[in-house]
């Protein structure tokens, strides 16, 4: 059964992802507020997609609560078609595009190099997400067993332990203090690209999606009952991450770029902000759905429905449009200002949506291409 609230979270996530990628344009105006909006307050988006994935897997897992064994082969066949095929197809698309547009030598078609690119999600800067998602799928039996363990024991205690683990795991992997000098090339690559394939960085959020699938009605009722606390926690999480970034920018001499490398979704501030955002978004989406029959809320709901419906293709295609946009700015010497960056953001959202709609119509005419680039045969 479809859950419109969870489905529409995809649209909000997509707005966040585009914000992160447009953030590079905000370096020129050197506006803390603008950069913070695009590069820091949009950081909820990547973890939230894993929440959605955890919710979707547990919703469709009919044997989850009964303990019935998972048909792993069939499970992986379905996931490799739905996520693996599009990942490989879009990776080759971007490799081919960069091979055509970059100077010779930047792109190699050596089979080992291509395998390296695909394994670590290096075809384009946004594709690493698909690699982590595929690893979540491949290791799902572990998380399925963990979820059943949590359901049988003290859930608050398990969540607290998982939260502490997540803080520790994320802190260690982003502040290792380890040098890879003298390591073998294979070991160096696995270490250097650890953020591109390890699903453990998003385990708490993924498991949260699974728990939401099991306890959806209770989860929603709890949010509504404690709406004031939820909104206060969300506001506090914003103050925490923005305040931390502002202090570093104002008093510790951090550049805007250094802020993005410090206060990302894996930082303690980013984890708390992600949790606060998810809780507040679900509360807001429930409120919107209950009031979407008339007035301005109906238009907002329709816009969000549309954005969510095309979110997958928007995710895959928007970096290409952003590349064209930035190339246009460079060619004509257009210097970014706050207004131009804001315009670029909304322009990219709209053009990516239009491109996704056109691609959807094209795919209907060519089913094989549709299967390759969306993972859907119908």
Protein backbone atom coordinates (compact mmCIF):
# COMPACT_ATOMS: atom_id res chain seq x y z
CA UNK A 1 0.00 0.00 0.00
CA UNK A 2 1.38 3.37 -1.04
CA UNK A 3 2.07 5.95 1.65
CA UNK A 4 1.63 9.41 0.13
CA UNK A 5 3.43 11.09 3.01
CA UNK A 6 6.56 8.98 2.57
CA UNK A 7 6.29 9.26 -1.22
CA UNK A 8 6.15 13.04 -1.00
CA UNK A 9 9.21 13.12 1.19
CA UNK A 10 11.05 12.24 -2.04
CA UNK A 11 10.17 15.65 -3.43
CA UNK A 12 11.57 17.44 -0.39
CA UNK A 13 14.70 15.30 -0.60
CA UNK A 14 15.14 16.18 -4.25
CA UNK A 15 14.93 19.88 -3.45
CA UNK A 16 17.67 19.34 -0.89
CA UNK A 17 19.93 17.40 -3.24
CA UNK A 18 19.70 20.11 -5.88
CA UNK A 19 20.44 22.69 -3.19
CA UNK A 20 23.66 20.90 -2.23
CA UNK A 21 24.82 20.70 -5.83
CA UNK A 22 23.98 24.32 -6.62
CA UNK A 23 25.86 25.31 -3.47
CA UNK A 24 29.14 25.56 -5.36
CA UNK A 25 27.74 28.61 -7.18
CA UNK A 26 27.19 30.33 -3.83
CA UNK A 27 30.93 30.55 -3.14
CA UNK A 28 31.32 33.62 -5.38
CA UNK A 29 28.87 35.93 -3.53
CA UNK A 30 30.45 34.78 -0.22
CA UNK A 31 27.07 35.00 1.52
CA UNK A 32 26.95 32.89 4.68
CA UNK A 33 23.14 32.84 4.74
CA UNK A 34 22.84 31.67 1.12
CA UNK A 35 25.60 29.08 1.43
CA UNK A 36 24.14 27.82 4.69
CA UNK A 37 20.73 27.34 3.07
CA UNK A 38 22.13 25.45 0.09
CA UNK A 39 25.08 23.51 1.49
CA UNK A 40 24.20 22.95 5.15
CA UNK A 41 20.43 23.11 5.66
CA UNK A 42 19.93 20.91 2.58
CA UNK A 43 22.02 18.11 4.10
CA UNK A 44 18.98 16.25 5.43
CA UNK A 45 18.29 15.04 1.89
CA UNK A 46 20.76 12.18 1.40
CA UNK A 47 20.03 10.45 4.75
CA UNK A 48 16.29 10.97 4.23
CA UNK A 49 16.45 8.97 1.00
CA UNK A 50 17.85 6.05 3.04
CA UNK A 51 14.95 6.46 5.47
CA UNK A 52 12.60 6.11 2.52
CA UNK A 53 14.50 3.02 1.34
CA UNK A 54 14.31 1.41 4.77
CA UNK A 55 10.60 2.14 4.93
CA UNK A 56 9.97 0.71 1.46
CA UNK A 57 11.92 -2.51 2.08
CA UNK A 58 10.21 -3.25 5.40
CA UNK A 59 6.76 -2.39 4.04
CA UNK A 60 7.10 -4.97 1.27
CA UNK A 61 8.79 -7.62 3.46
CA UNK A 62 5.79 -9.78 4.34
CA UNK A 63 7.84 -12.17 6.45
CA UNK A 64 9.59 -9.49 8.51
CA UNK A 65 7.46 -9.79 11.65
CA UNK A 66 6.78 -13.51 11.41
CA UNK A 67 10.42 -14.44 10.97
CA UNK A 68 9.81 -16.15 7.66
CA UNK A 69 13.13 -16.53 5.79
CA UNK A 70 13.86 -14.00 3.08
CA UNK A 71 14.12 -15.28 -0.49
CA UNK A 72 17.44 -13.53 -0.96
CA UNK A 73 17.94 -14.49 -4.61
CA UNK A 74 14.56 -13.12 -5.70
CA UNK A 75 15.00 -10.12 -3.44
CA UNK A 76 18.35 -9.20 -5.03
CA UNK A 77 17.10 -9.84 -8.58
CA UNK A 78 14.37 -7.28 -8.04
CA UNK A 79 16.72 -4.74 -6.46
CA UNK A 80 19.45 -5.16 -9.05
CA UNK A 81 16.89 -4.45 -11.74
CA UNK A 82 15.31 -1.52 -9.91
CA UNK A 83 18.52 0.16 -8.72
CA UNK A 84 21.49 -1.68 -10.24
CA UNK A 85 20.52 -1.30 -13.89
CA UNK A 86 19.85 2.45 -13.67
CA UNK A 87 23.06 2.96 -11.71
CA UNK A 88 25.19 1.23 -14.34
CA UNK A 89 23.33 2.85 -17.27
CA UNK A 90 23.64 6.39 -15.89
CA UNK A 91 27.26 5.78 -14.89
CA UNK A 92 28.13 4.86 -18.47
CA UNK A 93 26.08 7.81 -19.73
CA UNK A 94 28.11 10.26 -17.63
CA UNK A 95 31.40 8.53 -18.44
CA UNK A 96 30.61 8.86 -22.13
CA UNK A 97 29.57 12.48 -21.71
CA UNK A 98 32.79 13.40 -19.89
CA UNK A 99 34.83 11.38 -22.39
CA UNK A 100 33.35 13.54 -25.15
CA UNK A 101 33.72 16.88 -23.35
CA UNK A 102 36.90 16.63 -21.28
CA UNK A 103 40.45 16.67 -22.67
CA UNK A 104 41.94 13.29 -23.66
CA UNK A 105 43.19 11.21 -20.74
CA UNK A 106 40.58 12.21 -18.18
CA UNK A 107 38.37 9.21 -18.92
CA UNK A 108 39.78 5.72 -19.43
CA UNK A 109 37.83 2.78 -20.86
CA UNK A 110 40.25 0.26 -19.45
CA UNK A 111 38.02 -2.51 -17.97
CA UNK A 112 39.77 -2.38 -14.60
CA UNK A 113 39.37 1.39 -14.43
CA UNK A 114 35.69 1.16 -15.38
CA UNK A 115 35.19 -1.49 -12.68
CA UNK A 116 36.91 0.82 -10.18
CA UNK A 117 34.65 3.71 -11.17
CA UNK A 118 31.50 1.60 -10.89
CA UNK A 119 32.46 0.01 -7.58
CA UNK A 120 33.05 3.34 -5.85
CA UNK A 121 30.36 5.35 -7.64
CA UNK A 122 32.76 7.73 -9.37
CA UNK A 123 30.99 8.07 -12.72
CA UNK A 124 29.59 11.41 -11.54
CA UNK A 125 29.63 13.09 -8.14
CA UNK A 126 26.03 12.18 -7.23
CA UNK A 127 26.11 8.47 -8.10
CA UNK A 128 27.81 7.28 -4.91
CA UNK A 129 24.35 7.27 -3.31
CA UNK A 130 23.33 4.38 -5.54
CA UNK A 131 26.38 2.36 -4.48
CA UNK A 132 25.51 2.76 -0.79
CA UNK A 133 21.89 1.88 -1.56
CA UNK A 134 22.96 -1.31 -3.34
CA UNK A 135 25.11 -2.25 -0.34
CA UNK A 136 22.09 -1.72 1.90
CA UNK A 137 20.15 -4.08 -0.34
CA UNK A 138 22.94 -6.66 -0.40
CA UNK A 139 23.24 -6.61 3.40
CA UNK A 140 19.50 -6.37 4.09
CA UNK A 141 19.32 -9.77 5.86
CA UNK A 142 21.58 -8.31 8.58
CA UNK A 143 19.41 -5.23 9.07
CA UNK A 144 16.26 -7.38 8.92
CA UNK A 145 17.61 -9.48 11.80
CA UNK A 146 18.64 -6.33 13.69
CA UNK A 147 15.17 -4.86 13.28
CA UNK A 148 13.54 -8.02 14.64
CA UNK A 149 15.97 -7.92 17.58
CA UNK A 150 15.00 -4.31 18.30
CA UNK A 151 11.30 -5.16 18.14
CA UNK A 152 11.73 -8.00 20.65
CA UNK A 153 13.70 -5.96 23.16
CA UNK A 154 13.60 -2.44 24.60
CA UNK A 155 13.12 -0.21 21.57
CA UNK A 156 14.16 3.05 23.30
CA UNK A 157 17.32 1.37 24.60
CA UNK A 158 18.15 -0.07 21.18
CA UNK A 159 17.58 3.27 19.48
CA UNK A 160 19.76 5.01 22.03
CA UNK A 161 22.56 2.49 21.50
CA UNK A 162 22.22 2.81 17.74
CA UNK A 163 22.36 6.61 18.01
CA UNK A 164 25.60 6.41 20.02
CA UNK A 165 27.04 3.92 17.53
CA UNK A 166 26.13 6.24 14.65
CA UNK A 167 27.79 9.23 16.27
CA UNK A 168 30.94 7.22 16.98
CA UNK A 169 31.03 5.56 13.55
CA UNK A 170 30.54 8.80 11.66
CA UNK A 171 33.03 10.70 13.79
CA UNK A 172 35.74 8.08 13.43
CA UNK A 173 35.34 7.64 9.67
CA UNK A 174 35.44 11.39 9.05
CA UNK A 175 38.20 12.16 11.60
CA UNK A 176 40.39 9.09 11.43
CA UNK A 177 43.77 10.76 11.78
CA UNK A 178 45.11 7.87 9.69
CA UNK A 179 47.55 8.35 6.83
CA UNK A 180 47.52 5.92 3.92
CA UNK A 181 51.17 6.44 3.02
CA UNK A 182 52.76 3.11 2.25
CA UNK A 183 49.45 1.28 1.87
CA UNK A 184 48.76 -0.92 -1.12
CA UNK A 185 46.74 0.74 -3.89
CA UNK A 186 43.76 -1.52 -3.21
CA UNK A 187 43.72 -0.81 0.53
CA UNK A 188 44.24 2.91 -0.09
CA UNK A 189 41.26 3.08 -2.44
CA UNK A 190 39.00 1.19 -0.05
CA UNK A 191 39.98 3.56 2.75
CA UNK A 192 39.92 6.80 0.76
CA UNK A 193 36.50 6.05 -0.74
CA UNK A 194 34.95 4.65 2.44
CA UNK A 195 32.19 7.26 2.42
CA UNK A 196 31.15 6.10 -1.06
CA UNK A 197 30.16 2.55 -0.23
CA UNK A 198 29.83 1.87 3.51
CA UNK A 199 26.13 1.75 4.46
CA UNK A 200 26.97 1.93 8.18
CA UNK A 201 27.12 5.74 7.96
CA UNK A 202 23.34 5.85 7.50
CA UNK A 203 22.29 2.80 9.53
CA UNK A 204 20.34 4.71 12.18
CA UNK A 205 18.27 6.56 9.59
CA UNK A 206 17.72 3.40 7.51
CA UNK A 207 16.57 1.48 10.58
CA UNK A 208 14.35 4.40 11.50
CA UNK A 209 12.61 3.97 8.15
CA UNK A 210 12.08 0.28 8.91
CA UNK A 211 10.61 1.06 12.33
CA UNK A 212 8.33 3.67 10.80
CA UNK A 213 7.04 1.02 8.39
CA UNK A 214 6.22 -1.33 11.27
CA UNK A 215 4.68 1.30 13.54
CA UNK A 216 3.44 3.86 11.02
CA UNK A 217 0.09 4.69 12.62
CA UNK A 218 1.60 4.84 16.10
CA UNK A 219 4.53 6.86 14.76
CA UNK A 220 2.23 9.42 13.15
CA UNK A 221 -0.03 9.58 16.20
CA UNK A 222 3.00 10.21 18.40
CA UNK A 223 4.17 13.04 16.15
CA UNK A 224 0.75 14.68 16.25
CA UNK A 225 0.44 14.26 20.01
CA UNK A 226 3.82 15.90 20.61
CA UNK A 227 3.77 18.33 17.68
CA UNK A 228 5.08 21.19 19.82
CA UNK A 229 8.05 19.17 21.00
CA UNK A 230 8.76 17.98 17.43
CA UNK A 231 8.80 21.53 16.08
CA UNK A 232 10.87 22.78 19.01
CA UNK A 233 13.40 19.98 18.45
CA UNK A 234 13.53 20.83 14.73
CA UNK A 235 14.13 24.51 15.52
CA UNK A 236 16.81 23.57 18.06
CA UNK A 237 18.54 21.31 15.53
CA UNK A 238 18.65 24.22 13.06
CA UNK A 239 20.13 26.49 15.70
CA UNK A 240 22.67 23.77 16.57
CA UNK A 241 23.98 23.24 13.05
CA UNK A 242 23.71 26.85 11.83
CA UNK A 243 25.11 28.20 15.09
CA UNK A 244 28.05 25.81 14.91
CA UNK A 245 28.73 26.80 11.30
CA UNK A 246 28.41 30.52 12.06
CA UNK A 247 30.81 30.29 15.00
CA UNK A 248 33.37 28.49 12.83
CA UNK A 249 32.91 31.01 10.02
CA UNK A 250 32.91 34.12 12.18
CA UNK A 251 35.39 33.31 14.93
CA UNK A 252 37.54 30.39 13.74
CA UNK A 253 38.25 31.64 10.22
CA UNK A 254 36.60 28.77 8.33
CA UNK A 255 35.95 29.41 4.64
CA UNK A 256 32.51 28.63 3.24
CA UNK A 257 33.91 25.56 1.52
CA UNK A 258 35.41 24.33 4.79
CA UNK A 259 32.00 24.67 6.43
CA UNK A 260 30.49 22.22 3.92
CA UNK A 261 33.28 19.74 4.67
CA UNK A 262 32.70 20.09 8.42
CA UNK A 263 28.95 20.43 9.00
CA UNK A 264 27.72 17.76 6.62
CA UNK A 265 25.16 15.02 7.22
CA UNK A 266 27.69 12.77 8.98
CA UNK A 267 28.70 15.35 11.58
CA UNK A 268 27.01 15.26 15.02
CA UNK A 269 25.18 18.46 14.12
CA UNK A 270 24.13 16.97 10.78
CA UNK A 271 22.79 13.78 12.37
CA UNK A 272 20.70 15.69 14.92
CA UNK A 273 19.47 18.05 12.19
CA UNK A 274 18.53 15.10 9.94
CA UNK A 275 16.44 13.52 12.71
CA UNK A 276 14.77 16.84 13.50
CA UNK A 277 14.05 17.47 9.81
CA UNK A 278 12.50 14.05 9.23
CA UNK A 279 10.18 14.34 12.22
CA UNK A 280 9.12 17.87 11.27
CA UNK A 281 8.67 17.01 7.59
CA UNK A 282 6.41 14.07 8.37
CA UNK A 283 4.33 16.27 10.63
CA UNK A 284 4.14 18.96 7.96
CA UNK A 285 3.35 16.52 5.15
CA UNK A 286 0.56 14.97 7.23
CA UNK A 287 -0.86 18.44 7.90
CA UNK A 288 -0.66 19.29 4.18
CA UNK A 289 -2.35 16.06 3.12
CA UNK A 290 -5.23 16.66 5.55
CA UNK A 291 -5.80 20.15 4.09
CA UNK A 292 -5.01 19.61 0.42
CA UNK A 293 -8.54 19.45 -0.98
CA UNK A 294 -8.99 23.20 -1.49
CA UNK A 295 -7.13 26.49 -1.56
CA UNK A 296 -3.42 27.10 -1.85
CA UNK A 297 -2.61 23.85 -0.08
CA UNK A 298 -4.07 21.89 -3.02
CA UNK A 299 -1.63 23.59 -5.40
CA UNK A 300 1.27 22.96 -3.05
CA UNK A 301 0.27 19.31 -2.69
CA UNK A 302 0.01 18.91 -6.46
CA UNK A 303 3.43 20.50 -6.98
CA UNK A 304 4.96 18.19 -4.38
CA UNK A 305 3.18 15.16 -5.88
CA UNK A 306 4.63 16.01 -9.30
CA UNK A 307 8.13 16.63 -8.02
CA UNK A 308 8.05 13.37 -6.04
CA UNK A 309 6.72 11.33 -8.97
CA UNK A 310 9.69 12.35 -11.14
CA UNK A 311 12.27 12.47 -8.33
CA UNK A 312 14.32 9.51 -9.58
CA UNK A 313 14.88 10.95 -13.04
CA UNK A 314 15.45 14.41 -11.61
CA UNK A 315 18.17 12.92 -9.42
CA UNK A 316 19.90 11.30 -12.38
CA UNK A 317 19.60 14.15 -14.90
CA UNK A 318 20.06 17.36 -12.91
CA UNK A 319 23.91 17.22 -12.73
CA UNK A 320 24.03 17.30 -16.53
CA UNK A 321 21.80 20.39 -16.61
CA UNK A 322 23.89 22.00 -13.88
CA UNK A 323 27.03 21.29 -15.92
CA UNK A 324 25.50 23.04 -18.92
CA UNK A 325 24.37 25.95 -16.77
CA UNK A 326 27.78 26.51 -15.20
CA UNK A 327 29.48 26.16 -18.60
CA UNK A 328 27.14 28.86 -19.93
CA UNK A 329 28.00 31.15 -17.01
CA UNK A 330 31.73 30.60 -17.55
CA UNK A 331 31.58 31.15 -21.31
CA UNK A 332 29.79 34.47 -21.01
CA UNK A 333 31.65 35.66 -17.91
CA UNK A 334 28.55 35.80 -15.73
CA UNK A 335 29.57 36.48 -12.13
CA UNK A 336 27.34 34.95 -9.48
CA UNK A 337 25.41 37.15 -7.07
CA UNK A 338 22.93 36.10 -4.40
CA UNK A 339 20.00 36.75 -6.73
CA UNK A 340 21.62 34.83 -9.60
CA UNK A 341 22.34 31.83 -7.40
CA UNK A 342 18.75 31.76 -6.12
CA UNK A 343 17.51 32.04 -9.70
CA UNK A 344 19.86 29.22 -10.74
CA UNK A 345 18.46 26.98 -8.02
CA UNK A 346 14.83 27.40 -9.01
CA UNK A 347 15.67 27.32 -12.71
CA UNK A 348 17.48 24.01 -12.25
CA UNK A 349 14.56 22.52 -10.31
CA UNK A 350 12.11 23.49 -13.05
CA UNK A 351 14.29 22.45 -16.00
CA UNK A 352 15.18 19.12 -14.34
CA UNK A 353 11.48 18.44 -13.80
CA UNK A 354 10.67 19.29 -17.44
CA UNK A 355 13.56 17.12 -18.68
CA UNK A 356 12.32 14.24 -16.51
CA UNK A 357 8.80 14.55 -17.89
CA UNK A 358 10.14 14.53 -21.46
CA UNK A 359 12.38 11.56 -20.72
CA UNK A 360 9.42 9.69 -19.26
CA UNK A 361 7.46 10.22 -22.46
CA UNK A 362 10.45 9.07 -24.53
CA UNK A 363 10.92 5.96 -22.40
CA UNK A 364 7.31 4.95 -23.03
CA UNK A 365 8.19 4.63 -26.70
CA UNK A 366 11.39 2.64 -26.10
CA UNK A 367 10.77 0.07 -23.31
CA UNK A 368 14.30 -1.36 -23.41
CA UNK A 369 15.86 2.07 -22.79
CA UNK A 370 13.31 2.65 -20.05
CA UNK A 371 14.36 -0.58 -18.34
CA UNK A 372 18.02 0.39 -18.51
CA UNK A 373 17.66 3.93 -17.21
CA UNK A 374 14.80 3.53 -14.71
CA UNK A 375 14.81 -0.16 -13.81
CA UNK A 376 11.12 -0.35 -14.68
CA UNK A 377 9.71 -2.54 -17.43
CA UNK A 378 6.19 -1.14 -17.21
